[in-house]
Amino acid sequence: MMRIYHNPRCRKSRETLKLITDSGVEPEIVEYLITPPSQEELTEIIGKLGISPPELLRKSEGIFKEKFKGNTFTGAEWIKIMVKHPKLIERPIVVKGDKAIIGRPPENILPLL
């Protein structure tokens, strides 16, 4: 089963979803702004991505600049912040089995197909 953490308002997210469905795969679609991942789920996704929590942050978001820029937090604290403010999570994220890839650019996810 493939899952995409998707924001339908994001062009890259829409392109990534189209790439998946055009390949014949019908992924589980999680609109993460409506249904944010839990702390445990986000921790697992970050582990599958093989990155640190700050690497998943959208640092260009206004909320990041207003509330968090220049502050130092632990990885666990960043995860709590992203769960509370899912707009800060980089998108889209595609998960299949024990692997996850950020679809920026959308072609990044081709190895999962």
PDB file of N, CA and C in Angstrom:
ATOM      1  N   MET A   1       0.836  -1.189   0.000  1.00  0.00           N
ATOM      2  CA  MET A   1       0.000   0.000   0.000  1.00  0.00           C
ATOM      3  C   MET A   1       0.876   1.245   0.000  1.00  0.00           C
ATOM      4  N   MET A   2       0.489   2.186  -0.814  1.00  0.00           N
ATOM      5  CA  MET A   2       1.200   3.462  -0.902  1.00  0.00           C
ATOM      6  C   MET A   2       0.310   4.542  -0.291  1.00  0.00           C
ATOM      7  N   ARG A   3       0.947   5.465   0.424  1.00  0.00           N
ATOM      8  CA  ARG A   3       0.228   6.576   1.063  1.00  0.00           C
ATOM      9  C   ARG A   3       0.915   7.868   0.653  1.00  0.00           C
ATOM     10  N   ILE A   4       0.088   8.881   0.359  1.00  0.00           N
ATOM     11  CA  ILE A   4       0.635  10.201   0.057  1.00  0.00           C
ATOM     12  C   ILE A   4       0.052  11.198   1.050  1.00  0.00           C
ATOM     13  N   TYR A   5       0.955  11.952   1.678  1.00  0.00           N
ATOM     14  CA  TYR A   5       0.562  13.058   2.539  1.00  0.00           C
ATOM     15  C   TYR A   5       0.483  14.260   1.609  1.00  0.00           C
ATOM     16  N   HIS A   6      -0.741  14.684   1.367  1.00  0.00           N
ATOM     17  CA  HIS A   6      -1.085  15.519   0.218  1.00  0.00           C
ATOM     18  C   HIS A   6      -1.734  16.817   0.646  1.00  0.00           C
ATOM     19  N   ASN A   7      -1.398  17.878  -0.087  1.00  0.00           N
ATOM     20  CA  ASN A   7      -2.084  19.155   0.036  1.00  0.00           C
ATOM     21  C   ASN A   7      -2.614  19.480  -1.357  1.00  0.00           C
ATOM     22  N   PRO A   8      -3.926  19.367  -1.575  1.00  0.00           N
ATOM     23  CA  PRO A   8      -4.466  19.579  -2.916  1.00  0.00           C
ATOM     24  C   PRO A   8      -4.257  20.987  -3.468  1.00  0.00           C
ATOM     25  N   ARG A   9      -3.909  21.941  -2.615  1.00  0.00           N
ATOM     26  CA  ARG A   9      -3.653  23.309  -3.079  1.00  0.00           C
ATOM     27  C   ARG A   9      -2.218  23.487  -3.577  1.00  0.00           C
ATOM     28  N   CYS A  10      -1.380  22.486  -3.370  1.00  0.00           N
ATOM     29  CA  CYS A  10       0.038  22.557  -3.741  1.00  0.00           C
ATOM     30  C   CYS A  10       0.252  21.912  -5.111  1.00  0.00           C
ATOM     31  N   ARG A  11       0.837  22.657  -6.038  1.00  0.00           N
ATOM     32  CA  ARG A  11       1.069  22.142  -7.386  1.00  0.00           C
ATOM     33  C   ARG A  11       1.962  20.906  -7.380  1.00  0.00           C
ATOM     34  N   LYS A  12       3.055  20.925  -6.621  1.00  0.00           N
ATOM     35  CA  LYS A  12       3.963  19.771  -6.582  1.00  0.00           C
ATOM     36  C   LYS A  12       3.257  18.541  -6.010  1.00  0.00           C
ATOM     37  N   SER A  13       2.395  18.764  -5.029  1.00  0.00           N
ATOM     38  CA  SER A  13       1.647  17.657  -4.445  1.00  0.00           C
ATOM     39  C   SER A  13       0.673  17.076  -5.479  1.00  0.00           C
ATOM     40  N   ARG A  14      -0.011  17.935  -6.208  1.00  0.00           N
ATOM     41  CA  ARG A  14      -0.933  17.459  -7.256  1.00  0.00           C
ATOM     42  C   ARG A  14      -0.171  16.716  -8.345  1.00  0.00           C
ATOM     43  N   GLU A  15       0.987  17.246  -8.748  1.00  0.00           N
ATOM     44  CA  GLU A  15       1.795  16.584  -9.784  1.00  0.00           C
ATOM     45  C   GLU A  15       2.271  15.215  -9.313  1.00  0.00           C
ATOM     46  N   THR A  16       2.662  15.127  -8.057  1.00  0.00           N
ATOM     47  CA  THR A  16       3.124  13.845  -7.508  1.00  0.00           C
ATOM     48  C   THR A  16       1.976  12.841  -7.475  1.00  0.00           C
ATOM     49  N   LEU A  17       0.809  13.259  -7.040  1.00  0.00           N
ATOM     50  CA  LEU A  17      -0.353  12.371  -7.011  1.00  0.00           C
ATOM     51  C   LEU A  17      -0.698  11.900  -8.415  1.00  0.00           C
ATOM     52  N   LYS A  18      -0.646  12.785  -9.394  1.00  0.00           N
ATOM     53  CA  LYS A  18      -0.926  12.403 -10.784  1.00  0.00           C
ATOM     54  C   LYS A  18       0.086  11.385 -11.282  1.00  0.00           C
ATOM     55  N   LEU A  19       1.344  11.590 -10.962  1.00  0.00           N
ATOM     56  CA  LEU A  19       2.391  10.646 -11.359  1.00  0.00           C
ATOM     57  C   LEU A  19       2.089   9.247 -10.801  1.00  0.00           C
ATOM     58  N   ILE A  20       1.649   9.205  -9.562  1.00  0.00           N
ATOM     59  CA  ILE A  20       1.326   7.927  -8.920  1.00  0.00           C
ATOM     60  C   ILE A  20       0.129   7.274  -9.611  1.00  0.00           C
ATOM     61  N   THR A  21      -0.960   8.032  -9.754  1.00  0.00           N
ATOM     62  CA  THR A  21      -2.178   7.445 -10.332  1.00  0.00           C
ATOM     63  C   THR A  21      -1.984   7.097 -11.805  1.00  0.00           C
ATOM     64  N   ASP A  22      -1.195   7.905 -12.535  1.00  0.00           N
ATOM     65  CA  ASP A  22      -0.915   7.585 -13.942  1.00  0.00           C
ATOM     66  C   ASP A  22      -0.131   6.285 -14.083  1.00  0.00           C
ATOM     67  N   SER A  23       0.576   5.889 -13.022  1.00  0.00           N
ATOM     68  CA  SER A  23       1.329   4.634 -13.065  1.00  0.00           C
ATOM     69  C   SER A  23       0.432   3.435 -12.731  1.00  0.00           C
ATOM     70  N   GLY A  24      -0.847   3.714 -12.427  1.00  0.00           N
ATOM     71  CA  GLY A  24      -1.782   2.636 -12.129  1.00  0.00           C
ATOM     72  C   GLY A  24      -1.958   2.343 -10.649  1.00  0.00           C
ATOM     73  N   VAL A  25      -1.306   3.124  -9.799  1.00  0.00           N
ATOM     74  CA  VAL A  25      -1.402   2.912  -8.353  1.00  0.00           C
ATOM     75  C   VAL A  25      -2.466   3.859  -7.789  1.00  0.00           C
ATOM     76  N   GLU A  26      -3.325   3.314  -6.936  1.00  0.00           N
ATOM     77  CA  GLU A  26      -4.318   4.138  -6.236  1.00  0.00           C
ATOM     78  C   GLU A  26      -3.868   4.255  -4.783  1.00  0.00           C
ATOM     79  N   PRO A  27      -3.182   5.342  -4.440  1.00  0.00           N
ATOM     80  CA  PRO A  27      -2.651   5.467  -3.083  1.00  0.00           C
ATOM     81  C   PRO A  27      -3.729   5.875  -2.082  1.00  0.00           C
ATOM     82  N   GLU A  28      -3.434   5.631  -0.830  1.00  0.00           N
ATOM     83  CA  GLU A  28      -4.234   6.216   0.237  1.00  0.00           C
ATOM     84  C   GLU A  28      -3.823   7.683   0.302  1.00  0.00           C
ATOM     85  N   ILE A  29      -4.796   8.575   0.250  1.00  0.00           N
ATOM     86  CA  ILE A  29      -4.516  10.003   0.258  1.00  0.00           C
ATOM     87  C   ILE A  29      -4.834  10.557   1.640  1.00  0.00           C
ATOM     88  N   VAL A  30      -3.830  11.157   2.256  1.00  0.00           N
ATOM     89  CA  VAL A  30      -4.007  11.782   3.567  1.00  0.00           C
ATOM     90  C   VAL A  30      -3.826  13.283   3.372  1.00  0.00           C
ATOM     91  N   GLU A  31      -4.917  14.024   3.508  1.00  0.00           N
ATOM     92  CA  GLU A  31      -4.813  15.481   3.455  1.00  0.00           C
ATOM     93  C   GLU A  31      -4.347  15.930   4.831  1.00  0.00           C
ATOM     94  N   TYR A  32      -3.039  16.040   4.965  1.00  0.00           N
ATOM     95  CA  TYR A  32      -2.424  16.199   6.281  1.00  0.00           C
ATOM     96  C   TYR A  32      -2.749  17.538   6.959  1.00  0.00           C
ATOM     97  N   LEU A  33      -3.240  18.519   6.204  1.00  0.00           N
ATOM     98  CA  LEU A  33      -3.653  19.769   6.850  1.00  0.00           C
ATOM     99  C   LEU A  33      -4.985  19.590   7.573  1.00  0.00           C
ATOM    100  N   ILE A  34      -5.791  18.634   7.096  1.00  0.00           N
ATOM    101  CA  ILE A  34      -7.077  18.316   7.716  1.00  0.00           C
ATOM    102  C   ILE A  34      -6.900  17.241   8.783  1.00  0.00           C
ATOM    103  N   THR A  35      -6.098  16.235   8.449  1.00  0.00           N
ATOM    104  CA  THR A  35      -5.828  15.121   9.362  1.00  0.00           C
ATOM    105  C   THR A  35      -4.322  15.010   9.567  1.00  0.00           C
ATOM    106  N   PRO A  36      -3.757  15.804  10.485  1.00  0.00           N
ATOM    107  CA  PRO A  36      -2.305  15.764  10.689  1.00  0.00           C
ATOM    108  C   PRO A  36      -1.855  14.414  11.241  1.00  0.00           C
ATOM    109  N   PRO A  37      -0.639  14.017  10.911  1.00  0.00           N
ATOM    110  CA  PRO A  37      -0.112  12.778  11.493  1.00  0.00           C
ATOM    111  C   PRO A  37       0.090  12.955  13.001  1.00  0.00           C
ATOM    112  N   SER A  38       0.019  11.849  13.718  1.00  0.00           N
ATOM    113  CA  SER A  38       0.322  11.883  15.156  1.00  0.00           C
ATOM    114  C   SER A  38       1.831  12.027  15.331  1.00  0.00           C
ATOM    115  N   GLN A  39       2.251  12.279  16.560  1.00  0.00           N
ATOM    116  CA  GLN A  39       3.689  12.363  16.840  1.00  0.00           C
ATOM    117  C   GLN A  39       4.377  11.061  16.465  1.00  0.00           C
ATOM    118  N   GLU A  40       3.753   9.933  16.807  1.00  0.00           N
ATOM    119  CA  GLU A  40       4.351   8.633  16.507  1.00  0.00           C
ATOM    120  C   GLU A  40       4.450   8.417  15.000  1.00  0.00           C
ATOM    121  N   GLU A  41       3.377   8.768  14.300  1.00  0.00           N
ATOM    122  CA  GLU A  41       3.358   8.590  12.847  1.00  0.00           C
ATOM    123  C   GLU A  41       4.407   9.476  12.181  1.00  0.00           C
ATOM    124  N   LEU A  42       4.508  10.736  12.600  1.00  0.00           N
ATOM    125  CA  LEU A  42       5.488  11.639  12.006  1.00  0.00           C
ATOM    126  C   LEU A  42       6.908  11.191  12.330  1.00  0.00           C
ATOM    127  N   THR A  43       7.128  10.697  13.529  1.00  0.00           N
ATOM    128  CA  THR A  43       8.445  10.167  13.899  1.00  0.00           C
ATOM    129  C   THR A  43       8.816   9.002  12.980  1.00  0.00           C
ATOM    130  N   GLU A  44       7.850   8.122  12.722  1.00  0.00           N
ATOM    131  CA  GLU A  44       8.081   6.972  11.841  1.00  0.00           C
ATOM    132  C   GLU A  44       8.377   7.428  10.408  1.00  0.00           C
ATOM    133  N   ILE A  45       7.625   8.406   9.926  1.00  0.00           N
ATOM    134  CA  ILE A  45       7.841   8.922   8.567  1.00  0.00           C
ATOM    135  C   ILE A  45       9.244   9.516   8.448  1.00  0.00           C
ATOM    136  N   ILE A  46       9.642  10.309   9.427  1.00  0.00           N
ATOM    137  CA  ILE A  46      10.972  10.928   9.403  1.00  0.00           C
ATOM    138  C   ILE A  46      12.057   9.852   9.392  1.00  0.00           C
ATOM    139  N   GLY A  47      11.842   8.789  10.163  1.00  0.00           N
ATOM    140  CA  GLY A  47      12.787   7.670  10.154  1.00  0.00           C
ATOM    141  C   GLY A  47      12.875   7.018   8.788  1.00  0.00           C
ATOM    142  N   LYS A  48      11.723   6.846   8.131  1.00  0.00           N
ATOM    143  CA  LYS A  48      11.710   6.239   6.794  1.00  0.00           C
ATOM    144  C   LYS A  48      12.356   7.154   5.757  1.00  0.00           C
ATOM    145  N   LEU A  49      12.229   8.460   5.969  1.00  0.00           N
ATOM    146  CA  LEU A  49      12.867   9.419   5.067  1.00  0.00           C
ATOM    147  C   LEU A  49      14.379   9.451   5.265  1.00  0.00           C
ATOM    148  N   GLY A  50      14.831   9.065   6.466  1.00  0.00           N
ATOM    149  CA  GLY A  50      16.258   9.082   6.768  1.00  0.00           C
ATOM    150  C   GLY A  50      16.796  10.489   6.953  1.00  0.00           C
ATOM    151  N   ILE A  51      15.963  11.379   7.501  1.00  0.00           N
ATOM    152  CA  ILE A  51      16.369  12.764   7.725  1.00  0.00           C
ATOM    153  C   ILE A  51      16.120  13.126   9.184  1.00  0.00           C
ATOM    154  N   SER A  52      16.567  14.309   9.567  1.00  0.00           N
ATOM    155  CA  SER A  52      16.282  14.804  10.918  1.00  0.00           C
ATOM    156  C   SER A  52      14.999  15.638  10.859  1.00  0.00           C
ATOM    157  N   PRO A  53      14.300  15.779  11.970  1.00  0.00           N
ATOM    158  CA  PRO A  53      13.059  16.558  11.961  1.00  0.00           C
ATOM    159  C   PRO A  53      13.177  17.958  11.356  1.00  0.00           C
ATOM    160  N   PRO A  54      14.239  18.724  11.660  1.00  0.00           N
ATOM    161  CA  PRO A  54      14.311  20.064  11.051  1.00  0.00           C
ATOM    162  C   PRO A  54      14.397  20.038   9.523  1.00  0.00           C
ATOM    163  N   GLU A  55      14.874  18.935   8.950  1.00  0.00           N
ATOM    164  CA  GLU A  55      14.970  18.845   7.495  1.00  0.00           C
ATOM    165  C   GLU A  55      13.602  18.704   6.829  1.00  0.00           C
ATOM    166  N   LEU A  56      12.567  18.406   7.603  1.00  0.00           N
ATOM    167  CA  LEU A  56      11.217  18.266   7.071  1.00  0.00           C
ATOM    168  C   LEU A  56      10.426  19.570   7.170  1.00  0.00           C
ATOM    169  N   LEU A  57      11.028  20.591   7.737  1.00  0.00           N
ATOM    170  CA  LEU A  57      10.343  21.874   7.935  1.00  0.00           C
ATOM    171  C   LEU A  57      10.278  22.705   6.663  1.00  0.00           C
ATOM    172  N   ARG A  58       9.135  23.339   6.476  1.00  0.00           N
ATOM    173  CA  ARG A  58       8.975  24.335   5.409  1.00  0.00           C
ATOM    174  C   ARG A  58       9.341  25.683   6.020  1.00  0.00           C
ATOM    175  N   LYS A  59      10.581  26.067   5.857  1.00  0.00           N
ATOM    176  CA  LYS A  59      11.090  27.273   6.499  1.00  0.00           C
ATOM    177  C   LYS A  59      10.612  28.558   5.831  1.00  0.00           C
ATOM    178  N   SER A  60       9.963  28.429   4.680  1.00  0.00           N
ATOM    179  CA  SER A  60       9.446  29.620   3.993  1.00  0.00           C
ATOM    180  C   SER A  60       8.046  30.002   4.471  1.00  0.00           C
ATOM    181  N   GLU A  61       7.421  29.149   5.270  1.00  0.00           N
ATOM    182  CA  GLU A  61       6.078  29.441   5.777  1.00  0.00           C
ATOM    183  C   GLU A  61       6.107  30.608   6.758  1.00  0.00           C
ATOM    184  N   GLY A  62       5.092  31.451   6.682  1.00  0.00           N
ATOM    185  CA  GLY A  62       4.986  32.599   7.575  1.00  0.00           C
ATOM    186  C   GLY A  62       5.022  32.209   9.040  1.00  0.00           C
ATOM    187  N   ILE A  63       4.326  31.131   9.387  1.00  0.00           N
ATOM    188  CA  ILE A  63       4.292  30.706  10.793  1.00  0.00           C
ATOM    189  C   ILE A  63       5.684  30.314  11.291  1.00  0.00           C
ATOM    190  N   PHE A  64       6.506  29.738  10.410  1.00  0.00           N
ATOM    191  CA  PHE A  64       7.870  29.407  10.803  1.00  0.00           C
ATOM    192  C   PHE A  64       8.644  30.691  11.100  1.00  0.00           C
ATOM    193  N   LYS A  65       8.559  31.643  10.174  1.00  0.00           N
ATOM    194  CA  LYS A  65       9.298  32.894  10.325  1.00  0.00           C
ATOM    195  C   LYS A  65       8.845  33.666  11.560  1.00  0.00           C
ATOM    196  N   GLU A  66       7.535  33.649  11.826  1.00  0.00           N
ATOM    197  CA  GLU A  66       6.982  34.411  12.945  1.00  0.00           C
ATOM    198  C   GLU A  66       7.276  33.781  14.306  1.00  0.00           C
ATOM    199  N   LYS A  67       7.164  32.456  14.394  1.00  0.00           N
ATOM    200  CA  LYS A  67       7.207  31.802  15.701  1.00  0.00           C
ATOM    201  C   LYS A  67       8.473  30.999  16.000  1.00  0.00           C
ATOM    202  N   PHE A  68       9.134  30.475  14.954  1.00  0.00           N
ATOM    203  CA  PHE A  68      10.157  29.467  15.217  1.00  0.00           C
ATOM    204  C   PHE A  68      11.551  29.779  14.676  1.00  0.00           C
ATOM    205  N   LYS A  69      11.663  30.668  13.709  1.00  0.00           N
ATOM    206  CA  LYS A  69      12.965  30.976  13.118  1.00  0.00           C
ATOM    207  C   LYS A  69      13.926  31.479  14.185  1.00  0.00           C
ATOM    208  N   GLY A  70      15.128  30.937  14.165  1.00  0.00           N
ATOM    209  CA  GLY A  70      16.152  31.370  15.102  1.00  0.00           C
ATOM    210  C   GLY A  70      16.115  30.663  16.437  1.00  0.00           C
ATOM    211  N   ASN A  71      15.091  29.835  16.661  1.00  0.00           N
ATOM    212  CA  ASN A  71      14.992  29.077  17.909  1.00  0.00           C
ATOM    213  C   ASN A  71      15.615  27.700  17.746  1.00  0.00           C
ATOM    214  N   THR A  72      16.091  27.157  18.828  1.00  0.00           N
ATOM    215  CA  THR A  72      16.672  25.819  18.820  1.00  0.00           C
ATOM    216  C   THR A  72      15.744  24.881  19.577  1.00  0.00           C
ATOM    217  N   PHE A  73      15.371  23.796  18.923  1.00  0.00           N
ATOM    218  CA  PHE A  73      14.515  22.782  19.526  1.00  0.00           C
ATOM    219  C   PHE A  73      15.131  21.411  19.294  1.00  0.00           C
ATOM    220  N   THR A  74      14.773  20.473  20.148  1.00  0.00           N
ATOM    221  CA  THR A  74      15.204  19.088  19.929  1.00  0.00           C
ATOM    222  C   THR A  74      14.380  18.508  18.787  1.00  0.00           C
ATOM    223  N   GLY A  75      14.809  17.361  18.283  1.00  0.00           N
ATOM    224  CA  GLY A  75      14.042  16.687  17.244  1.00  0.00           C
ATOM    225  C   GLY A  75      12.620  16.389  17.691  1.00  0.00           C
ATOM    226  N   ALA A  76      12.469  15.903  18.922  1.00  0.00           N
ATOM    227  CA  ALA A  76      11.139  15.586  19.453  1.00  0.00           C
ATOM    228  C   ALA A  76      10.280  16.841  19.551  1.00  0.00           C
ATOM    229  N   GLU A  77      10.891  17.950  19.927  1.00  0.00           N
ATOM    230  CA  GLU A  77      10.135  19.207  20.010  1.00  0.00           C
ATOM    231  C   GLU A  77       9.692  19.674  18.622  1.00  0.00           C
ATOM    232  N   TRP A  78      10.567  19.543  17.622  1.00  0.00           N
ATOM    233  CA  TRP A  78      10.184  19.909  16.255  1.00  0.00           C
ATOM    234  C   TRP A  78       9.017  19.055  15.790  1.00  0.00           C
ATOM    235  N   ILE A  79       9.042  17.775  16.118  1.00  0.00           N
ATOM    236  CA  ILE A  79       7.944  16.889  15.716  1.00  0.00           C
ATOM    237  C   ILE A  79       6.636  17.361  16.349  1.00  0.00           C
ATOM    238  N   LYS A  80       6.654  17.693  17.629  1.00  0.00           N
ATOM    239  CA  LYS A  80       5.446  18.208  18.296  1.00  0.00           C
ATOM    240  C   LYS A  80       4.967  19.491  17.618  1.00  0.00           C
ATOM    241  N   ILE A  81       5.890  20.349  17.259  1.00  0.00           N
ATOM    242  CA  ILE A  81       5.543  21.609  16.595  1.00  0.00           C
ATOM    243  C   ILE A  81       4.895  21.326  15.239  1.00  0.00           C
ATOM    244  N   MET A  82       5.451  20.395  14.463  1.00  0.00           N
ATOM    245  CA  MET A  82       4.885  20.075  13.147  1.00  0.00           C
ATOM    246  C   MET A  82       3.508  19.433  13.268  1.00  0.00           C
ATOM    247  N   VAL A  83       3.299  18.617  14.298  1.00  0.00           N
ATOM    248  CA  VAL A  83       1.983  18.010  14.508  1.00  0.00           C
ATOM    249  C   VAL A  83       0.970  19.103  14.834  1.00  0.00           C
ATOM    250  N   LYS A  84       1.374  20.065  15.639  1.00  0.00           N
ATOM    251  CA  LYS A  84       0.478  21.162  16.020  1.00  0.00           C
ATOM    252  C   LYS A  84       0.259  22.131  14.859  1.00  0.00           C
ATOM    253  N   HIS A  85       1.278  22.307  14.023  1.00  0.00           N
ATOM    254  CA  HIS A  85       1.227  23.233  12.880  1.00  0.00           C
ATOM    255  C   HIS A  85       1.605  22.465  11.608  1.00  0.00           C
ATOM    256  N   PRO A  86       0.700  21.617  11.090  1.00  0.00           N
ATOM    257  CA  PRO A  86       1.054  20.760   9.953  1.00  0.00           C
ATOM    258  C   PRO A  86       1.450  21.515   8.689  1.00  0.00           C
ATOM    259  N   LYS A  87       1.129  22.791   8.625  1.00  0.00           N
ATOM    260  CA  LYS A  87       1.542  23.595   7.471  1.00  0.00           C
ATOM    261  C   LYS A  87       3.068  23.641   7.359  1.00  0.00           C
ATOM    262  N   LEU A  88       3.757  23.373   8.453  1.00  0.00           N
ATOM    263  CA  LEU A  88       5.224  23.389   8.468  1.00  0.00           C
ATOM    264  C   LEU A  88       5.853  22.136   7.868  1.00  0.00           C
ATOM    265  N   ILE A  89       5.043  21.101   7.614  1.00  0.00           N
ATOM    266  CA  ILE A  89       5.567  19.833   7.091  1.00  0.00           C
ATOM    267  C   ILE A  89       5.770  19.954   5.586  1.00  0.00           C
ATOM    268  N   GLU A  90       6.977  19.617   5.134  1.00  0.00           N
ATOM    269  CA  GLU A  90       7.276  19.623   3.699  1.00  0.00           C
ATOM    270  C   GLU A  90       6.343  18.647   3.002  1.00  0.00           C
ATOM    271  N   ARG A  91       5.982  18.960   1.786  1.00  0.00           N
ATOM    272  CA  ARG A  91       5.029  18.139   1.056  1.00  0.00           C
ATOM    273  C   ARG A  91       5.444  17.986  -0.387  1.00  0.00           C
ATOM    274  N   PRO A  92       4.904  17.000  -1.040  1.00  0.00           N
ATOM    275  CA  PRO A  92       4.183  15.840  -0.516  1.00  0.00           C
ATOM    276  C   PRO A  92       5.159  14.776  -0.032  1.00  0.00           C
ATOM    277  N   ILE A  93       4.688  13.937   0.845  1.00  0.00           N
ATOM    278  CA  ILE A  93       5.479  12.797   1.306  1.00  0.00           C
ATOM    279  C   ILE A  93       4.766  11.537   0.833  1.00  0.00           C
ATOM    280  N   VAL A  94       5.513  10.660   0.195  1.00  0.00           N
ATOM    281  CA  VAL A  94       4.958   9.391  -0.267  1.00  0.00           C
ATOM    282  C   VAL A  94       5.634   8.276   0.522  1.00  0.00           C
ATOM    283  N   VAL A  95       4.803   7.390   1.081  1.00  0.00           N
ATOM    284  CA  VAL A  95       5.306   6.293   1.907  1.00  0.00           C
ATOM    285  C   VAL A  95       4.846   4.976   1.292  1.00  0.00           C
ATOM    286  N   LYS A  96       5.788   4.055   1.180  1.00  0.00           N
ATOM    287  CA  LYS A  96       5.472   2.698   0.733  1.00  0.00           C
ATOM    288  C   LYS A  96       6.360   1.748   1.522  1.00  0.00           C
ATOM    289  N   GLY A  97       5.726   0.901   2.326  1.00  0.00           N
ATOM    290  CA  GLY A  97       6.485  -0.043   3.144  1.00  0.00           C
ATOM    291  C   GLY A  97       7.393   0.685   4.111  1.00  0.00           C
ATOM    292  N   ASP A  98       8.685   0.332   4.066  1.00  0.00           N
ATOM    293  CA  ASP A  98       9.637   0.943   5.001  1.00  0.00           C
ATOM    294  C   ASP A  98      10.404   2.111   4.374  1.00  0.00           C
ATOM    295  N   LYS A  99       9.882   2.632   3.253  1.00  0.00           N
ATOM    296  CA  LYS A  99      10.541   3.748   2.581  1.00  0.00           C
ATOM    297  C   LYS A  99       9.588   4.925   2.448  1.00  0.00           C
ATOM    298  N   ALA A 100      10.148   6.116   2.474  1.00  0.00           N
ATOM    299  CA  ALA A 100       9.390   7.347   2.250  1.00  0.00           C
ATOM    300  C   ALA A 100      10.260   8.301   1.451  1.00  0.00           C
ATOM    301  N   ILE A 101       9.613   9.096   0.607  1.00  0.00           N
ATOM    302  CA  ILE A 101      10.315  10.061  -0.235  1.00  0.00           C
ATOM    303  C   ILE A 101       9.493  11.337  -0.291  1.00  0.00           C
ATOM    304  N   ILE A 102      10.174  12.468  -0.253  1.00  0.00           N
ATOM    305  CA  ILE A 102       9.513  13.754  -0.454  1.00  0.00           C
ATOM    306  C   ILE A 102       9.437  13.998  -1.960  1.00  0.00           C
ATOM    307  N   GLY A 103       8.245  14.294  -2.452  1.00  0.00           N
ATOM    308  CA  GLY A 103       8.017  14.478  -3.884  1.00  0.00           C
ATOM    309  C   GLY A 103       8.350  15.873  -4.377  1.00  0.00           C
ATOM    310  N   ARG A 104       9.529  16.330  -4.096  1.00  0.00           N
ATOM    311  CA  ARG A 104      10.015  17.622  -4.596  1.00  0.00           C
ATOM    312  C   ARG A 104      11.385  17.392  -5.202  1.00  0.00           C
ATOM    313  N   PRO A 105      11.486  17.277  -6.484  1.00  0.00           N
ATOM    314  CA  PRO A 105      10.436  17.306  -7.494  1.00  0.00           C
ATOM    315  C   PRO A 105       9.649  15.983  -7.498  1.00  0.00           C
ATOM    316  N   PRO A 106       8.499  15.985  -8.167  1.00  0.00           N
ATOM    317  CA  PRO A 106       7.650  14.777  -8.172  1.00  0.00           C
ATOM    318  C   PRO A 106       8.382  13.509  -8.626  1.00  0.00           C
ATOM    319  N   GLU A 107       9.328  13.657  -9.542  1.00  0.00           N
ATOM    320  CA  GLU A 107      10.056  12.497 -10.071  1.00  0.00           C
ATOM    321  C   GLU A 107      10.854  11.761  -8.983  1.00  0.00           C
ATOM    322  N   ASN A 108      11.098  12.414  -7.861  1.00  0.00           N
ATOM    323  CA  ASN A 108      11.822  11.760  -6.774  1.00  0.00           C
ATOM    324  C   ASN A 108      11.153  10.456  -6.350  1.00  0.00           C
ATOM    325  N   ILE A 109       9.828  10.375  -6.507  1.00  0.00           N
ATOM    326  CA  ILE A 109       9.102   9.214  -5.988  1.00  0.00           C
ATOM    327  C   ILE A 109       9.105   8.010  -6.945  1.00  0.00           C
ATOM    328  N   LEU A 110       9.698   8.158  -8.129  1.00  0.00           N
ATOM    329  CA  LEU A 110       9.706   7.080  -9.104  1.00  0.00           C
ATOM    330  C   LEU A 110      10.245   5.756  -8.552  1.00  0.00           C
ATOM    331  N   PRO A 111      11.279   5.752  -7.698  1.00  0.00           N
ATOM    332  CA  PRO A 111      11.744   4.474  -7.165  1.00  0.00           C
ATOM    333  C   PRO A 111      10.673   3.717  -6.361  1.00  0.00           C
ATOM    334  N   LEU A 112       9.680   4.412  -5.838  1.00  0.00           N
ATOM    335  CA  LEU A 112       8.614   3.743  -5.072  1.00  0.00           C
ATOM    336  C   LEU A 112       7.570   3.106  -5.990  1.00  0.00           C
ATOM    337  N   LEU A 113       7.564   3.502  -7.254  1.00  0.00           N
ATOM    338  CA  LEU A 113       6.584   2.960  -8.193  1.00  0.00           C
ATOM    339  C   LEU A 113       7.145   1.710  -8.791  1.00  0.00           C
TER     340      LEU A 113
END
